[in-house]
C-alpha atoms as a PDB file:
ATOM      1  CA  MET A   1       7.164   3.348  65.789  1.00  0.00           C
ATOM      2  CA  GLY A   2      10.561   3.922  64.203  1.00  0.00           C
ATOM      3  CA  PHE A   3      10.829   0.236  63.310  1.00  0.00           C
ATOM      4  CA  TRP A   4       7.434   0.120  61.581  1.00  0.00           C
ATOM      5  CA  LYS A   5       8.084   3.375  59.736  1.00  0.00           C
ATOM      6  CA  SER A   6      11.406   2.130  58.395  1.00  0.00           C
ATOM      7  CA  LEU A   7       9.830  -1.180  57.428  1.00  0.00           C
ATOM      8  CA  PHE A   8       7.069   0.371  55.315  1.00  0.00           C
ATOM      9  CA  THR A   9       9.341   3.082  53.914  1.00  0.00           C
ATOM     10  CA  GLY A  10      11.806   0.409  52.830  1.00  0.00           C
ATOM     11  CA  SER A  11       9.004  -1.527  51.141  1.00  0.00           C
ATOM     12  CA  ASP A  12       7.916   1.564  49.206  1.00  0.00           C
ATOM     13  CA  GLU A  13      11.469   2.281  48.117  1.00  0.00           C
ATOM     14  CA  LYS A  14      11.919  -1.302  46.930  1.00  0.00           C
ATOM     15  CA  GLN A  15       8.705  -1.084  44.930  1.00  0.00           C
ATOM     16  CA  GLU A  16       9.804   2.185  43.322  1.00  0.00           C
ATOM     17  CA  ASP A  17      13.210   0.684  42.549  1.00  0.00           C
ATOM     18  CA  ASN A  18      11.582  -2.315  40.851  1.00  0.00           C
ATOM     19  CA  GLN A  19       9.350   0.018  38.873  1.00  0.00           C
ATOM     20  CA  ARG A  20      12.366   2.035  37.686  1.00  0.00           C
ATOM     21  CA  LYS A  21      14.139  -1.160  36.637  1.00  0.00           C
ATOM     22  CA  GLU A  22      11.046  -2.318  34.746  1.00  0.00           C
ATOM     23  CA  GLU A  23      10.775   1.038  32.953  1.00  0.00           C
ATOM     24  CA  LYS A  24      14.467   0.857  32.045  1.00  0.00           C
ATOM     25  CA  ASN A  25      14.115  -2.689  30.727  1.00  0.00           C
ATOM     26  CA  PHE A  26      11.056  -1.650  28.752  1.00  0.00           C
ATOM     27  CA  ASP A  27      12.946   1.236  27.118  1.00  0.00           C
ATOM     28  CA  ILE A  28      15.939  -0.989  26.296  1.00  0.00           C
ATOM     29  CA  LEU A  29      13.747  -3.660  24.703  1.00  0.00           C
ATOM     30  CA  LYS A  30      11.653  -1.127  22.780  1.00  0.00           C
ATOM     31  CA  PHE A  31      14.575   0.742  21.269  1.00  0.00           C
ATOM     32  CA  ASP A  32      16.575  -2.429  20.617  1.00  0.00           C
ATOM     33  CA  GLY A  33      13.532  -3.515  18.622  1.00  0.00           C
ATOM     34  CA  VAL A  34      13.490  -0.253  16.689  1.00  0.00           C
ATOM     35  CA  ARG A  35      17.189  -0.595  15.853  1.00  0.00           C
ATOM     36  CA  ALA A  36      16.728  -4.211  14.783  1.00  0.00           C
ATOM     37  CA  GLN A  37      13.740  -3.211  12.638  1.00  0.00           C
ATOM     38  CA  ARG A  38      15.809  -0.552  10.862  1.00  0.00           C
ATOM     39  CA  MET A  39      18.579  -3.089  10.264  1.00  0.00           C
ATOM     40  CA  GLY A  40      16.100  -5.535   8.724  1.00  0.00           C
ATOM     41  CA  ARG A  41      16.389  -8.045  11.579  1.00  0.00           C
ATOM     42  CA  LEU A  42      12.640  -8.360  11.779  1.00  0.00           C
ATOM     43  CA  ASP A  43      12.292 -11.583  13.771  1.00  0.00           C
ATOM     44  CA  TYR A  44      14.585 -10.226  16.472  1.00  0.00           C
ATOM     45  CA  ALA A  45      12.757  -6.882  16.426  1.00  0.00           C
ATOM     46  CA  LEU A  46       9.474  -8.682  16.968  1.00  0.00           C
ATOM     47  CA  ARG A  47      10.903 -10.574  19.958  1.00  0.00           C
ATOM     48  CA  CYS A  48      12.030  -7.277  21.474  1.00  0.00           C
ATOM     49  CA  PHE A  49       8.641  -5.647  20.989  1.00  0.00           C
ATOM     50  CA  ASP A  50       6.849  -8.662  22.475  1.00  0.00           C
ATOM     51  CA  GLU A  51       9.114  -8.640  25.533  1.00  0.00           C
ATOM     52  CA  ALA A  52       8.624  -4.892  25.961  1.00  0.00           C
ATOM     53  CA  LEU A  53       4.853  -5.235  25.684  1.00  0.00           C
ATOM     54  CA  SER A  54       4.881  -7.993  28.294  1.00  0.00           C
ATOM     55  CA  LEU A  55       6.189  -5.344  30.696  1.00  0.00           C
ATOM     56  CA  LYS A  56       3.853  -2.551  29.612  1.00  0.00           C
ATOM     57  CA  GLU A  57       1.197  -2.010  26.969  1.00  0.00           C
ATOM     58  CA  ASP A  58       2.387   0.959  24.935  1.00  0.00           C
ATOM     59  CA  PHE A  59       0.674   2.405  21.874  1.00  0.00           C
ATOM     60  CA  GLU A  60       3.895   3.352  20.065  1.00  0.00           C
ATOM     61  CA  THR A  61       5.420  -0.084  20.643  1.00  0.00           C
ATOM     62  CA  LEU A  62       2.242  -1.669  19.302  1.00  0.00           C
ATOM     63  CA  SER A  63       2.616   0.463  16.164  1.00  0.00           C
ATOM     64  CA  PHE A  64       6.212  -0.739  15.735  1.00  0.00           C
ATOM     65  CA  LYS A  65       5.055  -4.317  16.206  1.00  0.00           C
ATOM     66  CA  SER A  66       2.261  -3.963  13.632  1.00  0.00           C
ATOM     67  CA  ALA A  67       4.676  -2.522  11.062  1.00  0.00           C
ATOM     68  CA  THR A  68       7.093  -5.409  11.660  1.00  0.00           C
ATOM     69  CA  LEU A  69       4.325  -7.978  11.279  1.00  0.00           C
ATOM     70  CA  ILE A  70       3.240  -6.358   8.011  1.00  0.00           C
ATOM     71  CA  SER A  71       6.830  -6.517   6.733  1.00  0.00           C
ATOM     72  CA  LEU A  72       6.846 -10.225   7.630  1.00  0.00           C
ATOM     73  CA  ASN A  73       3.498 -10.634   5.812  1.00  0.00           C
ATOM     74  CA  ARG A  74       1.882 -11.904   9.020  1.00  0.00           C
ATOM     75  CA  LEU A  75      -1.296 -10.029   8.238  1.00  0.00           C
ATOM     76  CA  ASP A  76      -3.699 -11.743  10.644  1.00  0.00           C
ATOM     77  CA  GLU A  77      -1.437 -10.900  13.578  1.00  0.00           C
ATOM     78  CA  ALA A  78      -0.945  -7.334  12.322  1.00  0.00           C
ATOM     79  CA  ARG A  79      -4.713  -6.988  12.124  1.00  0.00           C
ATOM     80  CA  GLU A  80      -5.092  -8.072  15.761  1.00  0.00           C
ATOM     81  CA  VAL A  81      -2.505  -5.534  16.896  1.00  0.00           C
ATOM     82  CA  LEU A  82      -4.121  -2.722  14.927  1.00  0.00           C
ATOM     83  CA  GLU A  83      -7.550  -3.612  16.275  1.00  0.00           C
ATOM     84  CA  ARG A  84      -6.139  -3.366  19.804  1.00  0.00           C
ATOM     85  CA  MET A  85      -4.620   0.014  18.932  1.00  0.00           C
ATOM     86  CA  ALA A  86      -8.037   1.146  17.692  1.00  0.00           C
ATOM     87  CA  GLU A  87      -9.480   0.197  21.076  1.00  0.00           C
ATOM     88  CA  LEU A  88      -6.788   2.209  22.860  1.00  0.00           C
ATOM     89  CA  GLU A  89      -7.232   5.293  20.648  1.00  0.00           C
ATOM     90  CA  PRO A  90     -10.784   5.221  19.235  1.00  0.00           C
ATOM     91  CA  GLN A  91     -10.378   8.558  17.419  1.00  0.00           C
ATOM     92  CA  SER A  92      -7.124   7.697  15.608  1.00  0.00           C
ATOM     93  CA  VAL A  93      -7.726   7.950  11.867  1.00  0.00           C
ATOM     94  CA  ASP A  94      -4.182   6.724  11.181  1.00  0.00           C
ATOM     95  CA  VAL A  95      -4.850   3.409  12.917  1.00  0.00           C
ATOM     96  CA  ARG A  96      -8.033   2.859  10.873  1.00  0.00           C
ATOM     97  CA  ILE A  97      -6.170   3.702   7.672  1.00  0.00           C
ATOM     98  CA  ALA A  98      -3.378   1.260   8.544  1.00  0.00           C
ATOM     99  CA  LEU A  99      -5.967  -1.398   9.386  1.00  0.00           C
ATOM    100  CA  ALA A 100      -7.818  -0.829   6.105  1.00  0.00           C
ATOM    101  CA  ASN A 101      -4.554  -1.265   4.191  1.00  0.00           C
ATOM    102  CA  VAL A 102      -3.801  -4.537   5.998  1.00  0.00           C
ATOM    103  CA  LEU A 103      -7.314  -5.798   5.276  1.00  0.00           C
ATOM    104  CA  TYR A 104      -6.861  -4.899   1.607  1.00  0.00           C
ATOM    105  CA  MET A 105      -3.664  -6.964   1.487  1.00  0.00           C
ATOM    106  CA  ALA A 106      -5.524  -9.794   3.232  1.00  0.00           C
ATOM    107  CA  GLU A 107      -8.353  -9.465   0.656  1.00  0.00           C
ATOM    108  CA  ASP A 108     -10.983  -9.053   3.381  1.00  0.00           C
ATOM    109  CA  TYR A 109     -12.816  -6.307   1.541  1.00  0.00           C
ATOM    110  CA  GLN A 110     -15.939  -6.139   3.712  1.00  0.00           C
ATOM    111  CA  ALA A 111     -13.852  -5.624   6.843  1.00  0.00           C
ATOM    112  CA  MET A 112     -11.724  -3.140   4.900  1.00  0.00           C
ATOM    113  CA  LYS A 113     -14.854  -1.183   4.001  1.00  0.00           C
ATOM    114  CA  GLU A 114     -15.840  -1.052   7.676  1.00  0.00           C
ATOM    115  CA  ALA A 115     -12.367   0.121   8.757  1.00  0.00           C
ATOM    116  CA  ALA A 116     -12.303   2.785   6.035  1.00  0.00           C
ATOM    117  CA  ALA A 117     -15.799   3.970   6.998  1.00  0.00           C
ATOM    118  CA  GLU A 118     -14.584   4.274  10.593  1.00  0.00           C
ATOM    119  CA  ALA A 119     -11.605   6.299   9.330  1.00  0.00           C
ATOM    120  CA  VAL A 120     -14.032   8.659   7.579  1.00  0.00           C
ATOM    121  CA  GLY A 121     -15.974   8.877  10.847  1.00  0.00           C
ATOM    122  CA  CYS A 122     -12.792   9.856  12.677  1.00  0.00           C
ATOM    123  CA  ASP A 123     -11.853  12.510  10.103  1.00  0.00           C
ATOM    124  CA  ALA A 124     -14.371  13.466   7.429  1.00  0.00           C
ATOM    125  CA  GLN A 125     -11.784  15.696   5.747  1.00  0.00           C
ATOM    126  CA  ASN A 126      -9.203  12.955   5.179  1.00  0.00           C
ATOM    127  CA  PRO A 127      -8.907  12.143   1.445  1.00  0.00           C
ATOM    128  CA  LEU A 128      -7.006   8.889   2.071  1.00  0.00           C
ATOM    129  CA  ALA A 129      -9.882   7.559   4.170  1.00  0.00           C
ATOM    130  CA  TYR A 130     -12.299   8.125   1.271  1.00  0.00           C
ATOM    131  CA  PHE A 131      -9.805   6.619  -1.190  1.00  0.00           C
ATOM    132  CA  LEU A 132      -9.596   3.420   0.864  1.00  0.00           C
ATOM    133  CA  LEU A 133     -13.373   3.341   1.174  1.00  0.00           C
ATOM    134  CA  GLY A 134     -13.588   3.664  -2.608  1.00  0.00           C
ATOM    135  CA  ARG A 135     -11.030   0.905  -3.091  1.00  0.00           C
ATOM    136  CA  ALA A 136     -13.010  -1.383  -0.782  1.00  0.00           C
ATOM    137  CA  GLU A 137     -16.278  -0.624  -2.581  1.00  0.00           C
ATOM    138  CA  ASP A 138     -14.595  -1.296  -5.929  1.00  0.00           C
ATOM    139  CA  SER A 139     -13.225  -4.614  -4.665  1.00  0.00           C
ATOM    140  CA  LEU A 140     -16.761  -5.529  -3.572  1.00  0.00           C
ATOM    141  CA  GLU A 141     -18.032  -4.562  -7.062  1.00  0.00           C
ATOM    142  CA  HIS A 142     -20.094  -1.707  -5.620  1.00  0.00           C
ATOM    143  CA  LEU A 143     -19.199   0.602  -8.499  1.00  0.00           C
ATOM    144  CA  THR A 144     -21.564   3.497  -7.787  1.00  0.00           C
ATOM    145  CA  GLN A 145     -20.481   3.683  -4.156  1.00  0.00           C
ATOM    146  CA  ALA A 146     -16.821   3.422  -5.195  1.00  0.00           C
ATOM    147  CA  ILE A 147     -17.185   6.365  -7.575  1.00  0.00           C
ATOM    148  CA  GLU A 148     -18.908   8.425  -4.865  1.00  0.00           C
ATOM    149  CA  ALA A 149     -16.143   7.784  -2.325  1.00  0.00           C
ATOM    150  CA  LEU A 150     -13.349   8.440  -4.826  1.00  0.00           C
ATOM    151  CA  THR A 151     -15.055  11.634  -5.993  1.00  0.00           C
ATOM    152  CA  LYS A 152     -15.075  12.844  -2.388  1.00  0.00           C
ATOM    153  CA  ALA A 153     -11.356  12.020  -2.085  1.00  0.00           C
ATOM    154  CA  ILE A 154     -10.639  14.055  -5.219  1.00  0.00           C
ATOM    155  CA  GLU A 155     -12.781  16.968  -4.006  1.00  0.00           C
ATOM    156  CA  LEU A 156     -10.658  17.068  -0.857  1.00  0.00           C
ATOM    157  CA  LYS A 157      -7.362  16.645  -2.746  1.00  0.00           C
ATOM    158  CA  SER A 158      -7.578  17.619  -6.407  1.00  0.00           C
ATOM    159  CA  ASP A 159      -4.088  16.289  -7.231  1.00  0.00           C
ATOM    160  CA  PHE A 160      -4.746  12.840  -5.703  1.00  0.00           C
ATOM    161  CA  VAL A 161      -3.328  10.767  -8.559  1.00  0.00           C
ATOM    162  CA  GLY A 162      -4.159   7.383  -7.045  1.00  0.00           C
ATOM    163  CA  ALA A 163      -7.804   8.355  -6.561  1.00  0.00           C
ATOM    164  CA  ARG A 164      -8.116   9.676 -10.127  1.00  0.00           C
ATOM    165  CA  ASN A 165      -6.532   6.546 -11.591  1.00  0.00           C
ATOM    166  CA  LEU A 166      -8.736   4.259  -9.526  1.00  0.00           C
ATOM    167  CA  ARG A 167     -11.861   6.257 -10.380  1.00  0.00           C
ATOM    168  CA  ALA A 168     -10.919   5.959 -14.061  1.00  0.00           C
ATOM    169  CA  GLU A 169     -10.677   2.181 -13.669  1.00  0.00           C
ATOM    170  CA  VAL A 170     -14.053   2.058 -11.940  1.00  0.00           C
ATOM    171  CA  TYR A 171     -15.590   4.250 -14.649  1.00  0.00           C
ATOM    172  CA  LEU A 172     -14.290   1.783 -17.241  1.00  0.00           C
ATOM    173  CA  LYS A 173     -15.830  -1.137 -15.371  1.00  0.00           C
ATOM    174  CA  ASP A 174     -19.089   0.822 -15.309  1.00  0.00           C
ATOM    175  CA  GLY A 175     -18.956   1.500 -19.044  1.00  0.00           C
ATOM    176  CA  GLN A 176     -18.270   5.222 -18.646  1.00  0.00           C
ATOM    177  CA  SER A 177     -15.225   5.546 -20.911  1.00  0.00           C
ATOM    178  CA  GLU A 178     -15.539   9.321 -21.446  1.00  0.00           C
ATOM    179  CA  GLN A 179     -15.450   9.989 -17.713  1.00  0.00           C
ATOM    180  CA  ALA A 180     -12.520   7.582 -17.384  1.00  0.00           C
ATOM    181  CA  MET A 181     -10.601   9.390 -20.111  1.00  0.00           C
ATOM    182  CA  SER A 182     -11.269  12.730 -18.420  1.00  0.00           C
ATOM    183  CA  ASP A 183      -9.609  11.506 -15.216  1.00  0.00           C
ATOM    184  CA  ILE A 184      -6.708   9.987 -17.149  1.00  0.00           C
ATOM    185  CA  ASN A 185      -6.071  13.196 -19.061  1.00  0.00           C
ATOM    186  CA  GLU A 186      -6.119  15.184 -15.808  1.00  0.00           C
ATOM    187  CA  VAL A 187      -3.348  12.939 -14.443  1.00  0.00           C
ATOM    188  CA  LEU A 188      -1.277  13.000 -17.632  1.00  0.00           C
ATOM    189  CA  ALA A 189      -1.562  16.776 -17.898  1.00  0.00           C
ATOM    190  CA  GLU A 190       0.371  16.956 -14.631  1.00  0.00           C
ATOM    191  CA  ASN A 191       2.748  14.065 -15.376  1.00  0.00           C
ATOM    192  CA  SER A 192       3.004  12.705 -18.905  1.00  0.00           C
ATOM    193  CA  GLU A 193       4.923   9.655 -17.669  1.00  0.00           C
ATOM    194  CA  GLU A 194       2.457   8.469 -15.009  1.00  0.00           C
ATOM    195  CA  GLU A 195       2.423   4.750 -15.787  1.00  0.00           C
ATOM    196  CA  THR A 196      -1.010   3.743 -14.517  1.00  0.00           C
ATOM    197  CA  ALA A 197      -2.736   6.528 -16.432  1.00  0.00           C
ATOM    198  CA  LEU A 198      -0.749   5.755 -19.592  1.00  0.00           C
ATOM    199  CA  SER A 199      -1.635   2.077 -19.327  1.00  0.00           C
ATOM    200  CA  LEU A 200      -5.323   2.885 -18.875  1.00  0.00           C
ATOM    201  CA  ARG A 201      -5.318   5.277 -21.831  1.00  0.00           C
ATOM    202  CA  ALA A 202      -3.567   2.732 -24.039  1.00  0.00           C
ATOM    203  CA  ARG A 203      -6.194   0.154 -23.082  1.00  0.00           C
ATOM    204  CA  ILE A 204      -9.012   2.560 -23.984  1.00  0.00           C
ATOM    205  CA  TYR A 205      -7.412   3.407 -27.338  1.00  0.00           C
ATOM    206  CA  HIS A 206      -6.747  -0.263 -28.035  1.00  0.00           C
ATOM    207  CA  THR A 207      -9.998  -1.920 -26.995  1.00  0.00           C
ATOM    208  CA  LEU A 208     -12.673   0.789 -26.936  1.00  0.00           C
ATOM    209  CA  THR A 209     -12.041   3.642 -29.347  1.00  0.00           C
ATOM    210  CA  GLY A 210      -9.977   1.846 -31.985  1.00  0.00           C
ATOM    211  CA  ASP A 211      -7.257   4.528 -32.015  1.00  0.00           C
ATOM    212  CA  ILE A 212      -4.597   1.914 -32.703  1.00  0.00           C
ATOM    213  CA  GLU A 213      -1.753   4.278 -33.539  1.00  0.00           C
ATOM    214  CA  LYS A 214      -2.318   6.186 -30.306  1.00  0.00           C
ATOM    215  CA  ALA A 215      -2.462   2.883 -28.416  1.00  0.00           C
ATOM    216  CA  LYS A 216       0.839   1.790 -29.958  1.00  0.00           C
ATOM    217  CA  ALA A 217       2.421   5.120 -29.076  1.00  0.00           C
ATOM    218  CA  ASP A 218       1.328   4.792 -25.443  1.00  0.00           C
ATOM    219  CA  TYR A 219       2.511   1.170 -25.209  1.00  0.00           C
ATOM    220  CA  ARG A 220       5.904   2.098 -26.681  1.00  0.00           C
ATOM    221  CA  HIS A 221       6.185   5.054 -24.306  1.00  0.00           C
ATOM    222  CA  LEU A 222       5.420   2.772 -21.362  1.00  0.00           C
ATOM    223  CA  ILE A 223       8.175   0.372 -22.406  1.00  0.00           C
ATOM    224  CA  GLU A 224      10.614   3.285 -22.689  1.00  0.00           C
ATOM    225  CA  ILE A 225       9.699   4.423 -19.173  1.00  0.00           C
ATOM    226  CA  ASP A 226       9.590   0.935 -17.685  1.00  0.00           C
ATOM    227  CA  PRO A 227      11.361  -1.821 -19.657  1.00  0.00           C
ATOM    228  CA  PHE A 228       9.599  -4.414 -17.476  1.00  0.00           C
ATOM    229  CA  HIS A 229       5.997  -3.314 -18.117  1.00  0.00           C
ATOM    230  CA  LYS A 230       4.346  -6.651 -18.888  1.00  0.00           C
ATOM    231  CA  GLU A 231       0.961  -5.192 -19.914  1.00  0.00           C
ATOM    232  CA  ALA A 232       2.621  -2.814 -22.384  1.00  0.00           C
ATOM    233  CA  TYR A 233       4.495  -5.668 -24.065  1.00  0.00           C
ATOM    234  CA  ALA A 234       1.333  -7.783 -24.229  1.00  0.00           C
ATOM    235  CA  GLY A 235      -0.777  -4.954 -25.625  1.00  0.00           C
ATOM    236  CA  LEU A 236       1.758  -3.923 -28.244  1.00  0.00           C
ATOM    237  CA  MET A 237       2.360  -7.528 -29.339  1.00  0.00           C
ATOM    238  CA  SER A 238      -1.400  -8.034 -29.675  1.00  0.00           C
ATOM    239  CA  ILE A 239      -1.710  -5.010 -31.974  1.00  0.00           C
ATOM    240  CA  LEU A 240       1.322  -5.971 -34.081  1.00  0.00           C
ATOM    241  CA  LYS A 241       0.019  -9.500 -34.594  1.00  0.00           C
ATOM    242  CA  ALA A 242      -3.434  -8.169 -35.526  1.00  0.00           C
ATOM    243  CA  GLU A 243      -1.758  -5.906 -38.094  1.00  0.00           C
ATOM    244  CA  GLY A 244       0.155  -8.866 -39.541  1.00  0.00           C
ATOM    245  CA  ASN A 245       3.493  -7.451 -38.415  1.00  0.00           C
ATOM    246  CA  GLU A 246       4.787 -10.834 -37.273  1.00  0.00           C
ATOM    247  CA  ALA A 247       8.485  -9.923 -37.483  1.00  0.00           C
ATOM    248  CA  GLU A 248       8.261  -6.989 -35.076  1.00  0.00           C
ATOM    249  CA  ALA A 249       5.876  -8.917 -32.810  1.00  0.00           C
ATOM    250  CA  LYS A 250       8.350 -11.811 -32.691  1.00  0.00           C
ATOM    251  CA  LYS A 251      11.217  -9.458 -31.850  1.00  0.00           C
ATOM    252  CA  LEU A 252       9.168  -7.905 -29.031  1.00  0.00           C
ATOM    253  CA  GLU A 253       8.223 -11.354 -27.753  1.00  0.00           C
ATOM    254  CA  GLU A 254      11.909 -12.316 -27.605  1.00  0.00           C
ATOM    255  CA  GLU A 255      12.709  -9.122 -25.681  1.00  0.00           C
ATOM    256  CA  ALA A 256       9.948  -9.899 -23.173  1.00  0.00           C
ATOM    257  CA  ALA A 257      11.179 -13.484 -22.791  1.00  0.00           C
ATOM    258  CA  ALA A 258      14.742 -12.259 -22.168  1.00  0.00           C
ATOM    259  CA  LEU A 259      13.451 -10.029 -19.372  1.00  0.00           C
ATOM    260  CA  ASN A 260      11.579 -13.005 -17.876  1.00  0.00           C
ATOM    261  CA  LEU A 261       8.538 -10.846 -17.208  1.00  0.00           C
ATOM    262  CA  ASP A 262       6.351 -13.750 -16.076  1.00  0.00           C
ATOM    263  CA  ASN A 263       8.669 -14.513 -13.154  1.00  0.00           C
ATOM    264  CA  ASP A 264       7.743 -12.038 -10.448  1.00  0.00           C
ATOM    265  CA  ASP A 265       9.323 -13.944  -7.587  1.00  0.00           C
ATOM    266  CA  LEU A 266      12.966 -12.905  -7.746  1.00  0.00           C
ATOM    267  CA  PRO A 267      15.042 -10.140  -9.331  1.00  0.00           C
ATOM    268  CA  ASN A 268      16.377 -11.433 -12.635  1.00  0.00           C
ATOM    269  CA  TYR A 269      17.925  -8.523 -14.462  1.00  0.00           C
ATOM    270  CA  THR A 270      20.593  -5.954 -13.692  1.00  0.00           C
ATOM    271  CA  ILE A 271      21.234  -2.439 -14.940  1.00  0.00           C
ATOM    272  CA  GLY A 272      24.458  -0.769 -13.908  1.00  0.00           C
ATOM    273  CA  GLY A 273      24.973  -3.311 -11.162  1.00  0.00           C
ATOM    274  CA  MET A 274      21.487  -2.802  -9.714  1.00  0.00           C
ATOM    275  CA  GLU A 275      18.882  -5.529  -9.666  1.00  0.00           C
ATOM    276  CA  LYS A 276      15.624  -5.112 -11.554  1.00  0.00           C
ATOM    277  CA  ARG A 277      13.573  -4.335  -8.455  1.00  0.00           C
ATOM    278  CA  ASP A 278      16.146  -1.855  -7.148  1.00  0.00           C
ATOM    279  CA  VAL A 279      16.066   0.022 -10.452  1.00  0.00           C
ATOM    280  CA  LEU A 280      12.292   0.228 -10.325  1.00  0.00           C
ATOM    281  CA  GLY A 281      12.227   1.163  -6.642  1.00  0.00           C
ATOM    282  CA  LEU A 282      10.362  -1.987  -5.635  1.00  0.00           C
END
């Protein structure tokens, strides 16, 4: 009996030892991946996460992997990972929100709408879930539904700037310029330099209400805030040319050309030793 007892006990101990080694290897791979991710070594980080997940399926490691795939713009793979995470934690609103964002980047707006609706189902008090639902509806040209979802987001979070700006854009598409201006003014009352709201207001002044001086003032203010604001240059040049002010329009056109605003691929301008995108926080 002693022989058989020692035999089976030894087998159990070996199994436990192997399990401890596997857990240790998993932890090493996972946290090596996290360190590599923070250092910007994304391909290596992804290899670490894949090796760790081959040892054990782990929700947190899947989240690290999805974030790395998004950074690498491998959106289809990120989507698959997030869908698996949704299976593992069906009530996670954060996973549905992350999935909706990936689907927006991938321009799959119907699937985005479904993911955002699921996020609302997970947490009916989450303003970001309604915002993403509104963004999906807008992208699908469902303007009434977009306004409804964005209105709910704003009801839940009155200072939700992104939702107000997007609702203003949808109102404009729907021909409701007064409602759009109301949202814009709400945003600018809190922050007079909010660029999206300023750009929308300038567009309304320029193309809808005919308040050309106000439009010019907003376009100039935008250029002061952001010297690389392509829409502001284009709008201001359009007004100046319409007014017959060719000299100033030409000067502005030369400034825009010097900034190379049409090239959005690489940084091309420095301020105080910082590249254009660093200055703008891009």
